[in-house]
Amino acid sequence: MQVSKEEILHIADLAELELEENEIENYIVNLQDILNFANIVNNAPVEGVNITIGASESKNVFRKDEKKVFDNIEGLLQNAPEQDRHMFKIPKVLN
């Protein structure tokens, strides 16, 4: 697929870009390179390649939930602008 000057101007219009006449050829070359690369990727042979969704083969790696006691509640509550019954007091969010 070859990119035309009219297509570049149409895309620029959709994106509300103002292109100078001397910039159009540069945009044509760059968009053509992008489309050529996309075509290479689309036509890459993938027969026999396993499907992956990430770089790691690990699946569903979970840690065990553990209850931990926090020892410095008073130190933590020193950061609270207001507190009530050893808890942060925040403004009401819902009616």
PDB file of N, CA and C in Angstrom:
ATOM      1  N   MET A   1       0.844  -1.184   0.000  1.00  0.00           N
ATOM      2  CA  MET A   1       0.000   0.000   0.000  1.00  0.00           C
ATOM      3  C   MET A   1       0.889   1.245   0.000  1.00  0.00           C
ATOM      4  N   GLN A   2       0.686   2.088  -0.970  1.00  0.00           N
ATOM      5  CA  GLN A   2       1.423   3.337  -1.058  1.00  0.00           C
ATOM      6  C   GLN A   2       0.602   4.465  -0.428  1.00  0.00           C
ATOM      7  N   VAL A   3       1.268   5.319   0.314  1.00  0.00           N
ATOM      8  CA  VAL A   3       0.617   6.453   0.958  1.00  0.00           C
ATOM      9  C   VAL A   3       0.669   7.644   0.006  1.00  0.00           C
ATOM     10  N   SER A   4      -0.477   8.275  -0.195  1.00  0.00           N
ATOM     11  CA  SER A   4      -0.526   9.419  -1.098  1.00  0.00           C
ATOM     12  C   SER A   4      -0.523  10.734  -0.315  1.00  0.00           C
ATOM     13  N   LYS A   5      -0.251  11.798  -1.037  1.00  0.00           N
ATOM     14  CA  LYS A   5      -0.261  13.130  -0.439  1.00  0.00           C
ATOM     15  C   LYS A   5      -1.657  13.455   0.085  1.00  0.00           C
ATOM     16  N   GLU A   6      -2.681  13.049  -0.646  1.00  0.00           N
ATOM     17  CA  GLU A   6      -4.058  13.311  -0.227  1.00  0.00           C
ATOM     18  C   GLU A   6      -4.377  12.599   1.089  1.00  0.00           C
ATOM     19  N   GLU A   7      -3.877  11.376   1.256  1.00  0.00           N
ATOM     20  CA  GLU A   7      -4.114  10.647   2.506  1.00  0.00           C
ATOM     21  C   GLU A   7      -3.431  11.333   3.682  1.00  0.00           C
ATOM     22  N   ILE A   8      -2.213  11.799   3.479  1.00  0.00           N
ATOM     23  CA  ILE A   8      -1.499  12.522   4.542  1.00  0.00           C
ATOM     24  C   ILE A   8      -2.254  13.790   4.911  1.00  0.00           C
ATOM     25  N   LEU A   9      -2.727  14.523   3.908  1.00  0.00           N
ATOM     26  CA  LEU A   9      -3.478  15.748   4.183  1.00  0.00           C
ATOM     27  C   LEU A   9      -4.795  15.443   4.893  1.00  0.00           C
ATOM     28  N   HIS A  10      -5.432  14.329   4.534  1.00  0.00           N
ATOM     29  CA  HIS A  10      -6.675  13.931   5.195  1.00  0.00           C
ATOM     30  C   HIS A  10      -6.413  13.560   6.660  1.00  0.00           C
ATOM     31  N   ILE A  11      -5.364  12.799   6.901  1.00  0.00           N
ATOM     32  CA  ILE A  11      -5.009  12.429   8.274  1.00  0.00           C
ATOM     33  C   ILE A  11      -4.655  13.668   9.084  1.00  0.00           C
ATOM     34  N   ALA A  12      -3.900  14.565   8.489  1.00  0.00           N
ATOM     35  CA  ALA A  12      -3.539  15.811   9.169  1.00  0.00           C
ATOM     36  C   ALA A  12      -4.784  16.623   9.500  1.00  0.00           C
ATOM     37  N   ASP A  13      -5.748  16.641   8.580  1.00  0.00           N
ATOM     38  CA  ASP A  13      -6.995  17.360   8.829  1.00  0.00           C
ATOM     39  C   ASP A  13      -7.768  16.723   9.975  1.00  0.00           C
ATOM     40  N   LEU A  14      -7.829  15.398  10.009  1.00  0.00           N
ATOM     41  CA  LEU A  14      -8.525  14.706  11.101  1.00  0.00           C
ATOM     42  C   LEU A  14      -7.876  14.985  12.450  1.00  0.00           C
ATOM     43  N   ALA A  15      -6.543  15.083  12.448  1.00  0.00           N
ATOM     44  CA  ALA A  15      -5.794  15.335  13.679  1.00  0.00           C
ATOM     45  C   ALA A  15      -5.662  16.831  13.969  1.00  0.00           C
ATOM     46  N   GLU A  16      -6.267  17.642  13.105  1.00  0.00           N
ATOM     47  CA  GLU A  16      -6.201  19.092  13.245  1.00  0.00           C
ATOM     48  C   GLU A  16      -4.759  19.596  13.296  1.00  0.00           C
ATOM     49  N   LEU A  17      -3.951  19.043  12.372  1.00  0.00           N
ATOM     50  CA  LEU A  17      -2.559  19.465  12.238  1.00  0.00           C
ATOM     51  C   LEU A  17      -2.422  20.365  11.021  1.00  0.00           C
ATOM     52  N   GLU A  18      -1.590  21.354  11.140  1.00  0.00           N
ATOM     53  CA  GLU A  18      -1.287  22.214  10.002  1.00  0.00           C
ATOM     54  C   GLU A  18       0.103  21.844   9.502  1.00  0.00           C
ATOM     55  N   LEU A  19       0.146  21.278   8.302  1.00  0.00           N
ATOM     56  CA  LEU A  19       1.417  20.849   7.729  1.00  0.00           C
ATOM     57  C   LEU A  19       1.886  21.860   6.697  1.00  0.00           C
ATOM     58  N   GLU A  20       3.184  22.123   6.723  1.00  0.00           N
ATOM     59  CA  GLU A  20       3.800  22.935   5.683  1.00  0.00           C
ATOM     60  C   GLU A  20       4.014  22.045   4.464  1.00  0.00           C
ATOM     61  N   GLU A  21       4.056  22.650   3.310  1.00  0.00           N
ATOM     62  CA  GLU A  21       4.228  21.891   2.071  1.00  0.00           C
ATOM     63  C   GLU A  21       5.521  21.063   2.087  1.00  0.00           C
ATOM     64  N   ASN A  22       6.579  21.610   2.689  1.00  0.00           N
ATOM     65  CA  ASN A  22       7.856  20.888   2.712  1.00  0.00           C
ATOM     66  C   ASN A  22       7.874  19.750   3.740  1.00  0.00           C
ATOM     67  N   GLU A  23       6.875  19.643   4.610  1.00  0.00           N
ATOM     68  CA  GLU A  23       6.808  18.560   5.600  1.00  0.00           C
ATOM     69  C   GLU A  23       6.072  17.333   5.079  1.00  0.00           C
ATOM     70  N   ILE A  24       5.250  17.517   4.088  1.00  0.00           N
ATOM     71  CA  ILE A  24       4.364  16.442   3.622  1.00  0.00           C
ATOM     72  C   ILE A  24       5.157  15.232   3.148  1.00  0.00           C
ATOM     73  N   GLU A  25       6.205  15.440   2.356  1.00  0.00           N
ATOM     74  CA  GLU A  25       7.002  14.306   1.848  1.00  0.00           C
ATOM     75  C   GLU A  25       7.633  13.513   2.994  1.00  0.00           C
ATOM     76  N   ASN A  26       8.082  14.203   4.023  1.00  0.00           N
ATOM     77  CA  ASN A  26       8.665  13.538   5.191  1.00  0.00           C
ATOM     78  C   ASN A  26       7.617  12.668   5.889  1.00  0.00           C
ATOM     79  N   TYR A  27       6.401  13.183   6.020  1.00  0.00           N
ATOM     80  CA  TYR A  27       5.327  12.398   6.633  1.00  0.00           C
ATOM     81  C   TYR A  27       4.963  11.197   5.779  1.00  0.00           C
ATOM     82  N   ILE A  28       4.980  11.361   4.460  1.00  0.00           N
ATOM     83  CA  ILE A  28       4.685  10.229   3.567  1.00  0.00           C
ATOM     84  C   ILE A  28       5.701   9.117   3.784  1.00  0.00           C
ATOM     85  N   VAL A  29       6.982   9.480   3.822  1.00  0.00           N
ATOM     86  CA  VAL A  29       8.053   8.482   3.997  1.00  0.00           C
ATOM     87  C   VAL A  29       7.913   7.784   5.350  1.00  0.00           C
ATOM     88  N   ASN A  30       7.684   8.564   6.414  1.00  0.00           N
ATOM     89  CA  ASN A  30       7.578   7.974   7.753  1.00  0.00           C
ATOM     90  C   ASN A  30       6.364   7.051   7.873  1.00  0.00           C
ATOM     91  N   LEU A  31       5.214   7.480   7.369  1.00  0.00           N
ATOM     92  CA  LEU A  31       4.016   6.635   7.446  1.00  0.00           C
ATOM     93  C   LEU A  31       4.193   5.387   6.598  1.00  0.00           C
ATOM     94  N   GLN A  32       4.837   5.523   5.440  1.00  0.00           N
ATOM     95  CA  GLN A  32       5.082   4.361   4.594  1.00  0.00           C
ATOM     96  C   GLN A  32       5.984   3.352   5.301  1.00  0.00           C
ATOM     97  N   ASP A  33       7.009   3.832   6.008  1.00  0.00           N
ATOM     98  CA  ASP A  33       7.878   2.939   6.786  1.00  0.00           C
ATOM     99  C   ASP A  33       7.096   2.197   7.860  1.00  0.00           C
ATOM    100  N   ILE A  34       6.220   2.898   8.548  1.00  0.00           N
ATOM    101  CA  ILE A  34       5.398   2.274   9.596  1.00  0.00           C
ATOM    102  C   ILE A  34       4.503   1.201   8.992  1.00  0.00           C
ATOM    103  N   LEU A  35       3.845   1.517   7.887  1.00  0.00           N
ATOM    104  CA  LEU A  35       2.949   0.544   7.249  1.00  0.00           C
ATOM    105  C   LEU A  35       3.723  -0.654   6.705  1.00  0.00           C
ATOM    106  N   ASN A  36       4.915  -0.420   6.165  1.00  0.00           N
ATOM    107  CA  ASN A  36       5.743  -1.533   5.688  1.00  0.00           C
ATOM    108  C   ASN A  36       6.132  -2.458   6.836  1.00  0.00           C
ATOM    109  N   PHE A  37       6.505  -1.877   7.976  1.00  0.00           N
ATOM    110  CA  PHE A  37       6.861  -2.704   9.129  1.00  0.00           C
ATOM    111  C   PHE A  37       5.652  -3.488   9.626  1.00  0.00           C
ATOM    112  N   ALA A  38       4.479  -2.843   9.673  1.00  0.00           N
ATOM    113  CA  ALA A  38       3.259  -3.537  10.088  1.00  0.00           C
ATOM    114  C   ALA A  38       2.958  -4.695   9.148  1.00  0.00           C
ATOM    115  N   ASN A  39       3.207  -4.512   7.868  1.00  0.00           N
ATOM    116  CA  ASN A  39       2.991  -5.577   6.897  1.00  0.00           C
ATOM    117  C   ASN A  39       3.942  -6.746   7.138  1.00  0.00           C
ATOM    118  N   ILE A  40       5.191  -6.445   7.475  1.00  0.00           N
ATOM    119  CA  ILE A  40       6.165  -7.502   7.795  1.00  0.00           C
ATOM    120  C   ILE A  40       5.711  -8.288   9.014  1.00  0.00           C
ATOM    121  N   VAL A  41       5.276  -7.583  10.044  1.00  0.00           N
ATOM    122  CA  VAL A  41       4.810  -8.250  11.267  1.00  0.00           C
ATOM    123  C   VAL A  41       3.578  -9.096  10.976  1.00  0.00           C
ATOM    124  N   ASN A  42       2.639  -8.558  10.209  1.00  0.00           N
ATOM    125  CA  ASN A  42       1.413  -9.299   9.886  1.00  0.00           C
ATOM    126  C   ASN A  42       1.685 -10.560   9.074  1.00  0.00           C
ATOM    127  N   ASN A  43       2.744 -10.556   8.282  1.00  0.00           N
ATOM    128  CA  ASN A  43       3.048 -11.704   7.429  1.00  0.00           C
ATOM    129  C   ASN A  43       4.145 -12.609   7.995  1.00  0.00           C
ATOM    130  N   ALA A  44       4.548 -12.385   9.218  1.00  0.00           N
ATOM    131  CA  ALA A  44       5.579 -13.221   9.833  1.00  0.00           C
ATOM    132  C   ALA A  44       5.049 -14.643  10.007  1.00  0.00           C
ATOM    133  N   PRO A  45       5.881 -15.639   9.725  1.00  0.00           N
ATOM    134  CA  PRO A  45       5.433 -17.025   9.894  1.00  0.00           C
ATOM    135  C   PRO A  45       5.314 -17.375  11.381  1.00  0.00           C
ATOM    136  N   VAL A  46       4.135 -17.794  11.789  1.00  0.00           N
ATOM    137  CA  VAL A  46       3.903 -18.112  13.204  1.00  0.00           C
ATOM    138  C   VAL A  46       3.410 -19.540  13.402  1.00  0.00           C
ATOM    139  N   GLU A  47       3.476 -20.351  12.343  1.00  0.00           N
ATOM    140  CA  GLU A  47       3.036 -21.736  12.485  1.00  0.00           C
ATOM    141  C   GLU A  47       3.950 -22.459  13.471  1.00  0.00           C
ATOM    142  N   GLY A  48       3.366 -23.148  14.424  1.00  0.00           N
ATOM    143  CA  GLY A  48       4.125 -23.925  15.387  1.00  0.00           C
ATOM    144  C   GLY A  48       4.683 -23.118  16.538  1.00  0.00           C
ATOM    145  N   VAL A  49       4.382 -21.832  16.603  1.00  0.00           N
ATOM    146  CA  VAL A  49       4.864 -21.000  17.697  1.00  0.00           C
ATOM    147  C   VAL A  49       3.815 -21.026  18.812  1.00  0.00           C
ATOM    148  N   ASN A  50       4.275 -21.277  20.037  1.00  0.00           N
ATOM    149  CA  ASN A  50       3.342 -21.301  21.162  1.00  0.00           C
ATOM    150  C   ASN A  50       2.827 -19.895  21.459  1.00  0.00           C
ATOM    151  N   ILE A  51       1.569 -19.816  21.827  1.00  0.00           N
ATOM    152  CA  ILE A  51       0.959 -18.529  22.157  1.00  0.00           C
ATOM    153  C   ILE A  51       1.432 -18.098  23.530  1.00  0.00           C
ATOM    154  N   THR A  52       1.881 -16.855  23.628  1.00  0.00           N
ATOM    155  CA  THR A  52       2.257 -16.283  24.918  1.00  0.00           C
ATOM    156  C   THR A  52       1.584 -14.929  25.051  1.00  0.00           C
ATOM    157  N   ILE A  53       1.344 -14.532  26.300  1.00  0.00           N
ATOM    158  CA  ILE A  53       0.748 -13.214  26.533  1.00  0.00           C
ATOM    159  C   ILE A  53       1.692 -12.318  27.310  1.00  0.00           C
ATOM    160  N   GLY A  54       2.868 -12.811  27.614  1.00  0.00           N
ATOM    161  CA  GLY A  54       3.830 -12.013  28.363  1.00  0.00           C
ATOM    162  C   GLY A  54       5.210 -12.636  28.267  1.00  0.00           C
ATOM    163  N   ALA A  55       6.166 -11.983  28.855  1.00  0.00           N
ATOM    164  CA  ALA A  55       7.539 -12.465  28.787  1.00  0.00           C
ATOM    165  C   ALA A  55       7.803 -13.581  29.783  1.00  0.00           C
ATOM    166  N   SER A  56       6.967 -13.710  30.787  1.00  0.00           N
ATOM    167  CA  SER A  56       7.184 -14.704  31.830  1.00  0.00           C
ATOM    168  C   SER A  56       6.247 -15.886  31.633  1.00  0.00           C
ATOM    169  N   GLU A  57       6.760 -17.054  31.852  1.00  0.00           N
ATOM    170  CA  GLU A  57       5.946 -18.251  31.736  1.00  0.00           C
ATOM    171  C   GLU A  57       5.199 -18.568  33.033  1.00  0.00           C
ATOM    172  N   SER A  58       5.441 -17.785  34.082  1.00  0.00           N
ATOM    173  CA  SER A  58       4.764 -18.021  35.357  1.00  0.00           C
ATOM    174  C   SER A  58       3.275 -17.750  35.204  1.00  0.00           C
ATOM    175  N   LYS A  59       2.476 -18.574  35.851  1.00  0.00           N
ATOM    176  CA  LYS A  59       1.031 -18.409  35.775  1.00  0.00           C
ATOM    177  C   LYS A  59       0.453 -18.395  37.172  1.00  0.00           C
ATOM    178  N   ASN A  60      -0.403 -17.409  37.428  1.00  0.00           N
ATOM    179  CA  ASN A  60      -1.135 -17.321  38.686  1.00  0.00           C
ATOM    180  C   ASN A  60      -0.240 -17.528  39.910  1.00  0.00           C
ATOM    181  N   VAL A  61       0.763 -16.703  40.014  1.00  0.00           N
ATOM    182  CA  VAL A  61       1.661 -16.774  41.153  1.00  0.00           C
ATOM    183  C   VAL A  61       1.055 -15.935  42.266  1.00  0.00           C
ATOM    184  N   PHE A  62       0.651 -16.580  43.322  1.00  0.00           N
ATOM    185  CA  PHE A  62       0.017 -15.905  44.444  1.00  0.00           C
ATOM    186  C   PHE A  62       0.859 -16.091  45.698  1.00  0.00           C
ATOM    187  N   ARG A  63       0.717 -15.177  46.619  1.00  0.00           N
ATOM    188  CA  ARG A  63       1.334 -15.373  47.921  1.00  0.00           C
ATOM    189  C   ARG A  63       0.221 -15.704  48.906  1.00  0.00           C
ATOM    190  N   LYS A  64       0.582 -16.377  49.934  1.00  0.00           N
ATOM    191  CA  LYS A  64      -0.393 -16.754  50.950  1.00  0.00           C
ATOM    192  C   LYS A  64      -0.770 -15.508  51.764  1.00  0.00           C
ATOM    193  N   ASP A  65      -2.061 -15.325  52.008  1.00  0.00           N
ATOM    194  CA  ASP A  65      -2.509 -14.227  52.860  1.00  0.00           C
ATOM    195  C   ASP A  65      -2.123 -14.525  54.295  1.00  0.00           C
ATOM    196  N   GLU A  66      -1.446 -13.569  54.880  1.00  0.00           N
ATOM    197  CA  GLU A  66      -1.034 -13.734  56.263  1.00  0.00           C
ATOM    198  C   GLU A  66      -1.435 -12.500  57.049  1.00  0.00           C
ATOM    199  N   LYS A  67      -1.993 -12.712  58.193  1.00  0.00           N
ATOM    200  CA  LYS A  67      -2.350 -11.612  59.076  1.00  0.00           C
ATOM    201  C   LYS A  67      -1.100 -11.231  59.862  1.00  0.00           C
ATOM    202  N   LYS A  68      -0.769  -9.916  59.833  1.00  0.00           N
ATOM    203  CA  LYS A  68       0.395  -9.444  60.557  1.00  0.00           C
ATOM    204  C   LYS A  68      -0.040  -8.350  61.518  1.00  0.00           C
ATOM    205  N   VAL A  69       0.508  -8.377  62.691  1.00  0.00           N
ATOM    206  CA  VAL A  69       0.194  -7.378  63.705  1.00  0.00           C
ATOM    207  C   VAL A  69       1.138  -6.198  63.521  1.00  0.00           C
ATOM    208  N   PHE A  70       0.557  -4.988  63.450  1.00  0.00           N
ATOM    209  CA  PHE A  70       1.354  -3.774  63.320  1.00  0.00           C
ATOM    210  C   PHE A  70       1.624  -3.254  64.725  1.00  0.00           C
ATOM    211  N   ASP A  71       2.885  -3.090  65.062  1.00  0.00           N
ATOM    212  CA  ASP A  71       3.250  -2.773  66.440  1.00  0.00           C
ATOM    213  C   ASP A  71       3.226  -1.293  66.779  1.00  0.00           C
ATOM    214  N   ASN A  72       3.343  -0.413  65.807  1.00  0.00           N
ATOM    215  CA  ASN A  72       3.497   0.997  66.109  1.00  0.00           C
ATOM    216  C   ASN A  72       2.261   1.796  65.678  1.00  0.00           C
ATOM    217  N   ILE A  73       1.103   1.500  66.239  1.00  0.00           N
ATOM    218  CA  ILE A  73      -0.141   2.187  65.885  1.00  0.00           C
ATOM    219  C   ILE A  73      -0.059   3.662  66.258  1.00  0.00           C
ATOM    220  N   GLU A  74       0.494   3.965  67.409  1.00  0.00           N
ATOM    221  CA  GLU A  74       0.597   5.369  67.826  1.00  0.00           C
ATOM    222  C   GLU A  74       1.473   6.163  66.863  1.00  0.00           C
ATOM    223  N   GLY A  75       2.573   5.582  66.412  1.00  0.00           N
ATOM    224  CA  GLY A  75       3.446   6.250  65.455  1.00  0.00           C
ATOM    225  C   GLY A  75       2.740   6.493  64.129  1.00  0.00           C
ATOM    226  N   LEU A  76       1.937   5.528  63.711  1.00  0.00           N
ATOM    227  CA  LEU A  76       1.176   5.663  62.483  1.00  0.00           C
ATOM    228  C   LEU A  76       0.121   6.759  62.616  1.00  0.00           C
ATOM    229  N   LEU A  77      -0.571   6.788  63.726  1.00  0.00           N
ATOM    230  CA  LEU A  77      -1.637   7.768  63.932  1.00  0.00           C
ATOM    231  C   LEU A  77      -1.106   9.185  64.110  1.00  0.00           C
ATOM    232  N   GLN A  78       0.190   9.345  64.342  1.00  0.00           N
ATOM    233  CA  GLN A  78       0.758  10.687  64.415  1.00  0.00           C
ATOM    234  C   GLN A  78       0.627  11.414  63.071  1.00  0.00           C
ATOM    235  N   ASN A  79       0.506  10.666  62.000  1.00  0.00           N
ATOM    236  CA  ASN A  79       0.357  11.251  60.667  1.00  0.00           C
ATOM    237  C   ASN A  79      -1.085  11.638  60.355  1.00  0.00           C
ATOM    238  N   ALA A  80      -2.028  11.244  61.186  1.00  0.00           N
ATOM    239  CA  ALA A  80      -3.441  11.519  60.925  1.00  0.00           C
ATOM    240  C   ALA A  80      -3.792  12.949  61.323  1.00  0.00           C
ATOM    241  N   PRO A  81      -4.422  13.714  60.407  1.00  0.00           N
ATOM    242  CA  PRO A  81      -4.873  15.046  60.790  1.00  0.00           C
ATOM    243  C   PRO A  81      -5.911  14.973  61.915  1.00  0.00           C
ATOM    244  N   GLU A  82      -6.767  13.941  61.836  1.00  0.00           N
ATOM    245  CA  GLU A  82      -7.749  13.681  62.895  1.00  0.00           C
ATOM    246  C   GLU A  82      -7.814  12.176  63.111  1.00  0.00           C
ATOM    247  N   GLN A  83      -8.144  11.776  64.319  1.00  0.00           N
ATOM    248  CA  GLN A  83      -8.307  10.355  64.605  1.00  0.00           C
ATOM    249  C   GLN A  83      -9.489  10.143  65.536  1.00  0.00           C
ATOM    250  N   ASP A  84     -10.044   8.959  65.464  1.00  0.00           N
ATOM    251  CA  ASP A  84     -11.185   8.604  66.295  1.00  0.00           C
ATOM    252  C   ASP A  84     -11.081   7.116  66.603  1.00  0.00           C
ATOM    253  N   ARG A  85     -11.029   6.760  67.846  1.00  0.00           N
ATOM    254  CA  ARG A  85     -10.965   5.366  68.310  1.00  0.00           C
ATOM    255  C   ARG A  85      -9.808   4.604  67.653  1.00  0.00           C
ATOM    256  N   HIS A  86      -8.620   5.204  67.664  1.00  0.00           N
ATOM    257  CA  HIS A  86      -7.396   4.617  67.095  1.00  0.00           C
ATOM    258  C   HIS A  86      -7.511   4.331  65.599  1.00  0.00           C
ATOM    259  N   MET A  87      -8.236   5.211  64.878  1.00  0.00           N
ATOM    260  CA  MET A  87      -8.362   5.084  63.423  1.00  0.00           C
ATOM    261  C   MET A  87      -8.244   6.470  62.801  1.00  0.00           C
ATOM    262  N   PHE A  88      -7.818   6.520  61.532  1.00  0.00           N
ATOM    263  CA  PHE A  88      -7.817   7.781  60.804  1.00  0.00           C
ATOM    264  C   PHE A  88      -9.263   8.246  60.642  1.00  0.00           C
ATOM    265  N   LYS A  89      -9.525   9.514  60.885  1.00  0.00           N
ATOM    266  CA  LYS A  89     -10.848  10.080  60.648  1.00  0.00           C
ATOM    267  C   LYS A  89     -10.747  10.928  59.377  1.00  0.00           C
ATOM    268  N   ILE A  90     -11.596  10.600  58.421  1.00  0.00           N
ATOM    269  CA  ILE A  90     -11.565  11.288  57.127  1.00  0.00           C
ATOM    270  C   ILE A  90     -12.934  11.924  56.879  1.00  0.00           C
ATOM    271  N   PRO A  91     -13.004  12.907  55.981  1.00  0.00           N
ATOM    272  CA  PRO A  91     -14.296  13.503  55.658  1.00  0.00           C
ATOM    273  C   PRO A  91     -15.227  12.468  55.040  1.00  0.00           C
ATOM    274  N   LYS A  92     -16.506  12.676  55.221  1.00  0.00           N
ATOM    275  CA  LYS A  92     -17.531  11.786  54.679  1.00  0.00           C
ATOM    276  C   LYS A  92     -17.470  11.808  53.158  1.00  0.00           C
ATOM    277  N   VAL A  93     -17.478  10.629  52.539  1.00  0.00           N
ATOM    278  CA  VAL A  93     -17.366  10.519  51.098  1.00  0.00           C
ATOM    279  C   VAL A  93     -18.730  10.256  50.461  1.00  0.00           C
ATOM    280  N   LEU A  94     -19.532   9.428  51.081  1.00  0.00           N
ATOM    281  CA  LEU A  94     -20.844   9.054  50.556  1.00  0.00           C
ATOM    282  C   LEU A  94     -21.935   9.649  51.445  1.00  0.00           C
ATOM    283  N   ASN A  95     -23.106   9.845  50.836  1.00  0.00           N
ATOM    284  CA  ASN A  95     -24.253  10.339  51.621  1.00  0.00           C
ATOM    285  C   ASN A  95     -24.829   9.264  52.499  1.00  0.00           C
TER     286      ASN A  95
END
